[in-house]
Each structure stands twice: as C-alpha cells, then as structure tokens.
C-alpha cells in the first residue's frame, strides 16, 4: 500500500504503507520527457537493463493517443 497525493491509497506490493509515490500517466504531455531523462540517468549508472525497460515504457507513453496538461 502506498499513498499518492492525488490518487489516495494505492495497493502496490513491496511499497511501505507510509511511502509517498508520484504517478506519471501516459496522457501527461510531459511524461515521455520525464521518462527520457530518467532513462538517460539510469544508463549513465551502467544499469542498462532498467534503462532499456524505461525506454520501452517511454515508447508506450509516446504512442498513447490522448495527451493533456496535467490537472
């Protein structure tokens, strides 16, 4: 269970109850940019497996048909 400021309590296994989380959705027009930065930062640490995973997620976000400024 984790807590999001916007979405309330979320049941995410492995995350402590009191740990805050930040959710970025594919419809967020800034999300792919954020994932691109995160992907590059991971790659710079040598964690290429995780960077590849984030890169694939970023492509899914870019292909999401609906975009909007976060509310």
Protein backbone atom coordinates (compact mmCIF):
# COMPACT_ATOMS: atom_id res chain seq x y z
CA UNK A 1 0.00 0.00 0.00
CA UNK A 2 1.34 3.43 -0.90
CA UNK A 3 -0.05 6.93 -0.75
CA UNK A 4 -0.40 9.33 -3.66
CA UNK A 5 -1.32 12.96 -3.02
CA UNK A 6 -3.78 12.93 -5.93
CA UNK A 7 -4.97 9.32 -6.09
CA UNK A 8 -5.04 8.44 -2.40
CA UNK A 9 -4.10 4.98 -1.16
CA UNK A 10 -2.77 2.58 -3.78
CA UNK A 11 -2.20 -1.13 -3.33
CA UNK A 12 1.30 -1.60 -4.72
CA UNK A 13 3.08 -4.70 -3.37
CA UNK A 14 6.52 -4.04 -1.94
CA UNK A 15 5.95 -0.36 -1.18
CA UNK A 16 5.58 0.53 2.51
CA UNK A 17 2.23 1.96 3.61
CA UNK A 18 3.65 5.36 4.53
CA UNK A 19 5.91 5.77 1.48
CA UNK A 20 4.72 8.55 -0.83
CA UNK A 21 4.60 7.81 -4.56
CA UNK A 22 4.44 10.03 -7.61
CA UNK A 23 2.43 8.78 -10.57
CA UNK A 24 3.09 9.89 -14.13
CA UNK A 25 0.41 8.89 -16.63
CA UNK A 26 0.79 8.40 -20.38
CA UNK A 27 -1.76 11.15 -21.03
CA UNK A 28 0.50 13.69 -19.30
CA UNK A 29 2.13 15.72 -22.10
CA UNK A 30 5.37 15.93 -20.08
CA UNK A 31 5.59 12.24 -19.12
CA UNK A 32 7.68 10.92 -22.01
CA UNK A 33 10.19 13.76 -21.48
CA UNK A 34 10.49 12.83 -17.79
CA UNK A 35 10.97 9.16 -18.68
CA UNK A 36 13.62 10.12 -21.25
CA UNK A 37 15.64 11.94 -18.59
CA UNK A 38 15.21 9.05 -16.13
CA UNK A 39 16.23 6.55 -18.85
CA UNK A 40 19.42 8.52 -19.60
CA UNK A 41 20.28 8.88 -15.91
CA UNK A 42 19.89 5.13 -15.37
CA UNK A 43 22.00 4.35 -18.42
CA UNK A 44 24.75 6.65 -17.10
CA UNK A 45 24.98 4.48 -13.96
CA UNK A 46 25.51 1.37 -16.06
CA UNK A 47 22.06 -0.01 -15.23
CA UNK A 48 21.27 -0.73 -18.88
CA UNK A 49 18.65 -3.43 -18.16
CA UNK A 50 16.48 -1.00 -16.20
CA UNK A 51 17.23 1.79 -18.69
CA UNK A 52 16.01 -0.46 -21.53
CA UNK A 53 12.82 -1.16 -19.56
CA UNK A 54 12.20 2.56 -19.02
CA UNK A 55 12.92 3.24 -22.71
CA UNK A 56 10.21 0.74 -23.73
CA UNK A 57 7.74 2.34 -21.32
CA UNK A 58 8.62 5.76 -22.77
CA UNK A 59 7.78 4.50 -26.27
CA UNK A 60 4.41 3.27 -24.99
CA UNK A 61 3.81 6.72 -23.50
CA UNK A 62 4.75 8.43 -26.77
CA UNK A 63 2.28 6.23 -28.63
CA UNK A 64 -0.57 6.97 -26.22
CA UNK A 65 -3.19 8.78 -28.34
CA UNK A 66 -4.51 11.29 -25.79
CA UNK A 67 -2.28 13.99 -24.31
CA UNK A 68 -3.09 16.84 -21.95
CA UNK A 69 -1.51 19.20 -19.48
CA UNK A 70 -1.74 17.64 -16.00
CA UNK A 71 -4.52 18.88 -13.77
